[in-house]
N, C-alpha and C. Protein backbone atom coordinates (compact mmCIF):
# COMPACT_ATOMS: atom_id res chain seq x y z
N MET A 1 108.08 101.62 87.33
CA MET A 1 107.93 102.65 88.32
C MET A 1 106.93 103.68 87.83
N TYR A 2 106.23 104.28 88.75
CA TYR A 2 105.25 105.31 88.43
C TYR A 2 105.99 106.61 88.18
N THR A 3 105.78 107.18 87.04
CA THR A 3 106.51 108.39 86.67
C THR A 3 105.52 109.50 86.33
N ILE A 4 105.75 110.64 86.91
CA ILE A 4 104.97 111.83 86.59
C ILE A 4 105.97 112.87 86.09
N ASN A 5 105.63 113.52 85.00
CA ASN A 5 106.54 114.50 84.43
C ASN A 5 105.94 115.90 84.51
N LEU A 6 106.78 116.87 84.70
CA LEU A 6 106.32 118.26 84.79
C LEU A 6 107.31 119.15 84.07
N ARG A 7 106.78 120.00 83.21
CA ARG A 7 107.61 121.02 82.56
C ARG A 7 106.97 122.36 82.88
N ARG A 8 107.71 123.22 83.53
CA ARG A 8 107.21 124.55 83.88
C ARG A 8 107.90 125.59 83.02
N VAL A 9 107.14 126.49 82.51
CA VAL A 9 107.69 127.54 81.65
C VAL A 9 108.46 128.55 82.49
N LEU A 10 107.94 128.92 83.65
CA LEU A 10 108.59 129.95 84.46
C LEU A 10 109.96 129.52 84.96
N TYR A 11 110.03 128.33 85.51
CA TYR A 11 111.29 127.87 86.08
C TYR A 11 112.07 126.97 85.14
N THR A 12 111.46 126.49 84.11
CA THR A 12 112.06 125.61 83.13
C THR A 12 112.81 124.47 83.80
N PHE A 13 112.07 123.65 84.52
CA PHE A 13 112.70 122.46 85.09
C PHE A 13 111.80 121.27 84.85
N PHE A 14 112.39 120.11 84.92
CA PHE A 14 111.71 118.86 84.64
C PHE A 14 111.83 118.00 85.90
N MET A 15 110.71 117.51 86.40
CA MET A 15 110.74 116.72 87.62
C MET A 15 110.09 115.37 87.39
N THR A 16 110.68 114.34 87.95
CA THR A 16 110.15 112.99 87.86
C THR A 16 109.94 112.46 89.27
N LEU A 17 108.82 111.81 89.49
CA LEU A 17 108.49 111.22 90.79
C LEU A 17 108.27 109.73 90.58
N LYS A 18 109.01 108.90 91.30
CA LYS A 18 108.87 107.45 91.19
C LYS A 18 108.74 106.86 92.59
N ILE A 19 107.90 105.84 92.72
CA ILE A 19 107.66 105.20 94.01
C ILE A 19 107.93 103.71 93.87
N LYS A 20 108.63 103.15 94.85
CA LYS A 20 108.94 101.73 94.83
C LYS A 20 108.90 101.20 96.26
N PHE A 21 108.37 100.00 96.44
CA PHE A 21 108.37 99.32 97.74
C PHE A 21 109.24 98.09 97.65
N GLU A 22 109.99 97.83 98.71
CA GLU A 22 110.80 96.61 98.80
C GLU A 22 110.39 95.86 100.05
N VAL A 23 110.03 94.59 99.86
CA VAL A 23 109.69 93.71 100.97
C VAL A 23 110.60 92.51 100.86
N HIS A 24 111.51 92.40 101.83
CA HIS A 24 112.53 91.34 101.83
C HIS A 24 113.27 91.42 100.51
N SER A 25 113.09 90.47 99.62
CA SER A 25 113.80 90.50 98.34
C SER A 25 112.86 90.83 97.18
N ASN A 26 111.58 91.06 97.49
CA ASN A 26 110.61 91.38 96.45
C ASN A 26 110.53 92.90 96.27
N THR A 27 110.30 93.32 95.04
CA THR A 27 110.17 94.74 94.73
C THR A 27 108.84 94.98 94.04
N LEU A 28 108.12 95.98 94.52
CA LEU A 28 106.86 96.39 93.89
C LEU A 28 107.05 97.76 93.28
N GLU A 29 106.78 97.86 92.00
CA GLU A 29 106.92 99.12 91.30
C GLU A 29 105.60 99.47 90.62
N ASN A 30 105.57 100.55 89.90
CA ASN A 30 104.37 101.02 89.20
C ASN A 30 103.21 101.24 90.15
N LEU A 31 103.49 101.79 91.30
CA LEU A 31 102.45 102.04 92.29
C LEU A 31 101.98 103.48 92.21
N ILE A 32 100.68 103.65 92.30
CA ILE A 32 100.08 104.97 92.28
C ILE A 32 99.38 105.17 93.61
N PRO A 33 99.79 106.17 94.39
CA PRO A 33 99.12 106.38 95.69
C PRO A 33 97.69 106.87 95.49
N ASP A 34 96.82 106.46 96.40
CA ASP A 34 95.43 106.89 96.35
C ASP A 34 95.27 108.30 96.91
N PHE A 35 96.17 108.68 97.80
CA PHE A 35 96.08 109.99 98.44
C PHE A 35 97.49 110.45 98.79
N ILE A 36 97.78 111.72 98.54
CA ILE A 36 99.09 112.30 98.87
C ILE A 36 98.85 113.47 99.81
N ARG A 37 99.59 113.48 100.91
CA ARG A 37 99.51 114.59 101.86
C ARG A 37 100.89 115.21 101.98
N PHE A 38 100.95 116.52 101.78
CA PHE A 38 102.21 117.25 101.87
C PHE A 38 102.08 118.29 102.97
N THR A 39 103.01 118.28 103.91
CA THR A 39 103.05 119.29 104.96
C THR A 39 104.45 119.87 105.01
N SER A 40 104.53 121.14 105.38
CA SER A 40 105.85 121.76 105.49
C SER A 40 105.88 122.69 106.69
N SER A 41 107.09 122.97 107.14
CA SER A 41 107.26 123.89 108.26
C SER A 41 106.97 125.31 107.77
N ILE A 42 106.83 126.22 108.70
CA ILE A 42 106.50 127.61 108.35
C ILE A 42 107.57 128.22 107.45
N ASN A 43 108.83 127.96 107.75
CA ASN A 43 109.91 128.51 106.94
C ASN A 43 110.27 127.62 105.75
N GLU A 44 109.55 126.53 105.56
CA GLU A 44 109.73 125.58 104.46
C GLU A 44 111.11 124.94 104.44
N GLU A 45 111.77 124.87 105.58
CA GLU A 45 113.06 124.19 105.65
C GLU A 45 112.90 122.68 105.57
N THR A 46 111.86 122.17 106.21
CA THR A 46 111.60 120.72 106.17
C THR A 46 110.14 120.50 105.78
N SER A 47 109.89 119.32 105.26
CA SER A 47 108.53 118.96 104.90
C SER A 47 108.39 117.45 104.96
N THR A 48 107.16 117.01 104.98
CA THR A 48 106.87 115.57 104.93
C THR A 48 105.89 115.32 103.81
N ILE A 49 106.03 114.17 103.21
CA ILE A 49 105.06 113.72 102.22
C ILE A 49 104.59 112.35 102.66
N THR A 50 103.27 112.20 102.76
CA THR A 50 102.67 110.94 103.18
C THR A 50 101.90 110.38 101.99
N LEU A 51 102.24 109.15 101.62
CA LEU A 51 101.57 108.48 100.52
C LEU A 51 100.65 107.42 101.10
N ASN A 52 99.37 107.48 100.76
CA ASN A 52 98.39 106.51 101.25
C ASN A 52 97.99 105.57 100.12
N PHE A 53 97.99 104.29 100.42
CA PHE A 53 97.55 103.26 99.50
C PHE A 53 96.40 102.52 100.16
N TYR A 54 95.21 102.60 99.58
CA TYR A 54 94.05 101.93 100.16
C TYR A 54 94.04 100.47 99.73
N ASN A 55 93.48 99.62 100.58
CA ASN A 55 93.39 98.18 100.36
C ASN A 55 94.77 97.60 100.04
N PRO A 56 95.69 97.64 101.00
CA PRO A 56 97.06 97.19 100.73
C PRO A 56 97.19 95.69 100.49
N THR A 57 96.14 94.90 100.73
CA THR A 57 96.26 93.47 100.44
C THR A 57 96.38 93.23 98.94
N LYS A 58 96.01 94.21 98.12
CA LYS A 58 96.23 94.09 96.68
C LYS A 58 97.72 94.25 96.37
N LEU A 59 98.43 94.98 97.23
CA LEU A 59 99.86 95.21 97.01
C LEU A 59 100.72 94.13 97.65
N PHE A 60 100.40 93.79 98.90
CA PHE A 60 101.23 92.88 99.67
C PHE A 60 100.43 91.69 100.15
N ASN A 61 101.11 90.58 100.31
CA ASN A 61 100.53 89.42 100.95
C ASN A 61 100.29 89.76 102.42
N LEU A 62 99.16 89.34 102.97
CA LEU A 62 98.82 89.65 104.35
C LEU A 62 99.88 89.15 105.33
N ASN A 63 100.48 88.00 105.06
CA ASN A 63 101.52 87.46 105.94
C ASN A 63 102.75 88.34 105.99
N LEU A 64 103.07 89.01 104.89
CA LEU A 64 104.22 89.92 104.88
C LEU A 64 103.97 91.15 105.74
N MET A 65 102.71 91.60 105.79
CA MET A 65 102.39 92.81 106.55
C MET A 65 102.40 92.56 108.05
N ILE A 66 102.09 91.35 108.49
CA ILE A 66 102.02 91.10 109.93
C ILE A 66 103.27 90.42 110.46
N ASN A 67 104.17 90.01 109.60
CA ASN A 67 105.41 89.36 110.02
C ASN A 67 106.41 90.44 110.43
N GLU A 68 106.79 90.44 111.69
CA GLU A 68 107.70 91.48 112.20
C GLU A 68 109.14 91.30 111.72
N GLU A 69 109.48 90.10 111.27
CA GLU A 69 110.84 89.86 110.81
C GLU A 69 111.08 90.45 109.42
N GLU A 70 110.02 90.62 108.67
CA GLU A 70 110.13 91.19 107.33
C GLU A 70 109.90 92.69 107.42
N SER A 71 110.82 93.47 106.93
CA SER A 71 110.63 94.92 106.96
C SER A 71 110.21 95.40 105.58
N ILE A 72 109.30 96.34 105.57
CA ILE A 72 108.85 96.96 104.33
C ILE A 72 109.58 98.29 104.22
N LYS A 73 110.18 98.52 103.06
CA LYS A 73 110.91 99.77 102.84
C LYS A 73 110.32 100.45 101.61
N ALA A 74 110.08 101.74 101.72
CA ALA A 74 109.57 102.50 100.59
C ALA A 74 110.65 103.45 100.10
N ILE A 75 110.72 103.61 98.81
CA ILE A 75 111.71 104.49 98.20
C ILE A 75 110.98 105.49 97.31
N LEU A 76 111.31 106.76 97.49
CA LEU A 76 110.72 107.83 96.69
C LEU A 76 111.85 108.49 95.92
N PHE A 77 111.74 108.52 94.61
CA PHE A 77 112.75 109.14 93.77
C PHE A 77 112.20 110.46 93.24
N LEU A 78 112.93 111.53 93.46
CA LEU A 78 112.60 112.84 92.89
C LEU A 78 113.75 113.22 91.97
N ASN A 79 113.41 113.42 90.72
CA ASN A 79 114.43 113.69 89.71
C ASN A 79 115.43 112.54 89.68
N PHE A 80 116.62 112.83 89.28
CA PHE A 80 117.62 111.78 89.22
C PHE A 80 118.58 111.83 90.39
N ASN A 81 118.58 112.93 91.13
CA ASN A 81 119.57 113.07 92.20
C ASN A 81 118.98 113.08 93.60
N TRP A 82 117.67 113.06 93.75
CA TRP A 82 117.06 113.05 95.08
C TRP A 82 116.38 111.71 95.30
N LYS A 83 116.85 111.00 96.29
CA LYS A 83 116.29 109.69 96.62
C LYS A 83 116.04 109.64 98.11
N TYR A 84 114.83 109.26 98.49
CA TYR A 84 114.46 109.16 99.90
C TYR A 84 114.00 107.74 100.19
N THR A 85 114.48 107.22 101.28
CA THR A 85 114.10 105.89 101.72
C THR A 85 113.51 106.00 103.11
N THR A 86 112.45 105.26 103.36
CA THR A 86 111.84 105.28 104.69
C THR A 86 111.41 103.89 105.09
N LYS A 87 111.50 103.66 106.37
CA LYS A 87 110.92 102.45 106.95
C LYS A 87 109.74 102.84 107.83
N ASP A 88 109.36 104.13 107.75
CA ASP A 88 108.19 104.61 108.49
C ASP A 88 106.95 104.25 107.69
N ILE A 89 106.61 102.98 107.75
CA ILE A 89 105.46 102.43 107.06
C ILE A 89 104.41 102.10 108.10
N ARG A 90 103.24 102.65 107.92
CA ARG A 90 102.15 102.41 108.87
C ARG A 90 101.02 101.69 108.17
N ILE A 91 100.41 100.76 108.89
CA ILE A 91 99.26 100.06 108.36
C ILE A 91 98.09 100.33 109.29
N ILE A 92 97.02 100.86 108.75
CA ILE A 92 95.82 101.15 109.53
C ILE A 92 94.85 100.00 109.30
N TRP A 93 94.44 99.38 110.40
CA TRP A 93 93.57 98.22 110.35
C TRP A 93 92.14 98.63 110.68
N VAL A 94 91.18 98.10 109.96
CA VAL A 94 89.76 98.32 110.24
C VAL A 94 89.07 96.96 110.23
N LYS A 95 88.41 96.64 111.33
CA LYS A 95 87.70 95.37 111.49
C LYS A 95 88.60 94.17 111.20
N GLY A 96 89.83 94.24 111.68
CA GLY A 96 90.76 93.12 111.55
C GLY A 96 91.40 92.96 110.20
N LYS A 97 91.22 93.91 109.30
CA LYS A 97 91.81 93.82 107.97
C LYS A 97 92.60 95.10 107.69
N PRO A 98 93.71 94.98 106.95
CA PRO A 98 94.46 96.19 106.61
C PRO A 98 93.65 97.06 105.66
N PHE A 99 93.54 98.33 106.02
CA PHE A 99 92.71 99.26 105.25
C PHE A 99 93.56 100.27 104.48
N ILE A 100 94.57 100.84 105.14
CA ILE A 100 95.42 101.85 104.51
C ILE A 100 96.88 101.54 104.84
N LEU A 101 97.73 101.62 103.84
CA LEU A 101 99.17 101.54 104.03
C LEU A 101 99.71 102.95 103.79
N GLN A 102 100.44 103.48 104.78
CA GLN A 102 101.00 104.83 104.67
C GLN A 102 102.52 104.75 104.66
N ALA A 103 103.13 105.49 103.77
CA ALA A 103 104.58 105.65 103.74
C ALA A 103 104.86 107.13 103.98
N VAL A 104 105.65 107.44 105.02
CA VAL A 104 105.92 108.83 105.40
C VAL A 104 107.39 109.13 105.11
N PHE A 105 107.63 110.16 104.31
CA PHE A 105 108.98 110.59 103.95
C PHE A 105 109.24 111.97 104.52
N LEU A 106 110.45 112.19 105.00
CA LEU A 106 110.88 113.48 105.53
C LEU A 106 111.87 114.11 104.56
N LEU A 107 111.57 115.32 104.13
CA LEU A 107 112.46 116.08 103.25
C LEU A 107 113.09 117.18 104.07
N THR A 108 114.41 117.26 104.08
CA THR A 108 115.11 118.21 104.94
C THR A 108 115.82 119.32 104.16
N SER A 109 115.52 119.45 102.91
CA SER A 109 116.16 120.47 102.09
C SER A 109 115.10 121.47 101.60
N LYS A 110 115.38 122.74 101.77
CA LYS A 110 114.43 123.78 101.36
C LYS A 110 114.17 123.76 99.85
N PRO A 111 115.19 123.67 98.99
CA PRO A 111 114.91 123.63 97.55
C PRO A 111 114.09 122.42 97.14
N GLU A 112 114.37 121.27 97.74
CA GLU A 112 113.61 120.06 97.41
C GLU A 112 112.16 120.20 97.86
N SER A 113 111.96 120.75 99.05
CA SER A 113 110.60 120.94 99.56
C SER A 113 109.80 121.88 98.67
N LYS A 114 110.42 122.99 98.28
CA LYS A 114 109.72 123.95 97.42
C LYS A 114 109.41 123.35 96.05
N SER A 115 110.38 122.66 95.48
CA SER A 115 110.17 122.04 94.17
C SER A 115 109.06 121.01 94.21
N LEU A 116 109.04 120.20 95.25
CA LEU A 116 108.01 119.18 95.37
C LEU A 116 106.63 119.81 95.56
N LYS A 117 106.55 120.86 96.36
CA LYS A 117 105.27 121.52 96.58
C LYS A 117 104.74 122.13 95.28
N ILE A 118 105.59 122.79 94.53
CA ILE A 118 105.19 123.37 93.24
C ILE A 118 104.72 122.26 92.30
N TYR A 119 105.47 121.19 92.27
CA TYR A 119 105.15 120.05 91.40
C TYR A 119 103.79 119.45 91.75
N LEU A 120 103.53 119.23 93.03
CA LEU A 120 102.27 118.64 93.46
C LEU A 120 101.10 119.58 93.20
N ASP A 121 101.31 120.88 93.41
CA ASP A 121 100.25 121.86 93.14
C ASP A 121 99.93 121.93 91.64
N GLN A 122 100.94 121.98 90.82
CA GLN A 122 100.74 122.11 89.38
C GLN A 122 100.02 120.90 88.78
N ASN A 123 100.23 119.73 89.36
CA ASN A 123 99.63 118.50 88.84
C ASN A 123 98.36 118.10 89.59
N ASN A 124 97.86 119.00 90.44
CA ASN A 124 96.63 118.75 91.21
C ASN A 124 96.68 117.43 91.97
N LEU A 125 97.82 117.13 92.56
CA LEU A 125 97.96 115.89 93.33
C LEU A 125 97.66 116.09 94.80
N LEU A 126 97.53 117.33 95.23
CA LEU A 126 97.18 117.61 96.62
C LEU A 126 95.68 117.80 96.72
N LYS A 127 95.11 117.21 97.76
CA LYS A 127 93.66 117.30 97.93
C LYS A 127 93.32 118.07 99.17
């Protein structure tokens, strides 16, 4: 699994971010997103994190991506106690080929949203 570690002096907390994809019975780990987008509501009660993976044919077999019977599930682990699972997986096609695979996660907790935003800012993961 892809792990990023953060130690902040002000808040003294340690955060770990791990990403995993499950397709049927296969598991893909050690994935690094090419682009991360973080959005939050004005009051920061909820937020979304979108992970983009370019050229997804390197990750998945093309038949798995177009087969409707097989569902792709993404799992995002934050620390040891926050786990998010989504089936909101989007594939953007360009000229008949998969170009971008997006996994969209919804965070509904204010502390989790704030911690994730601080973590992404401190590690320059937001573009």
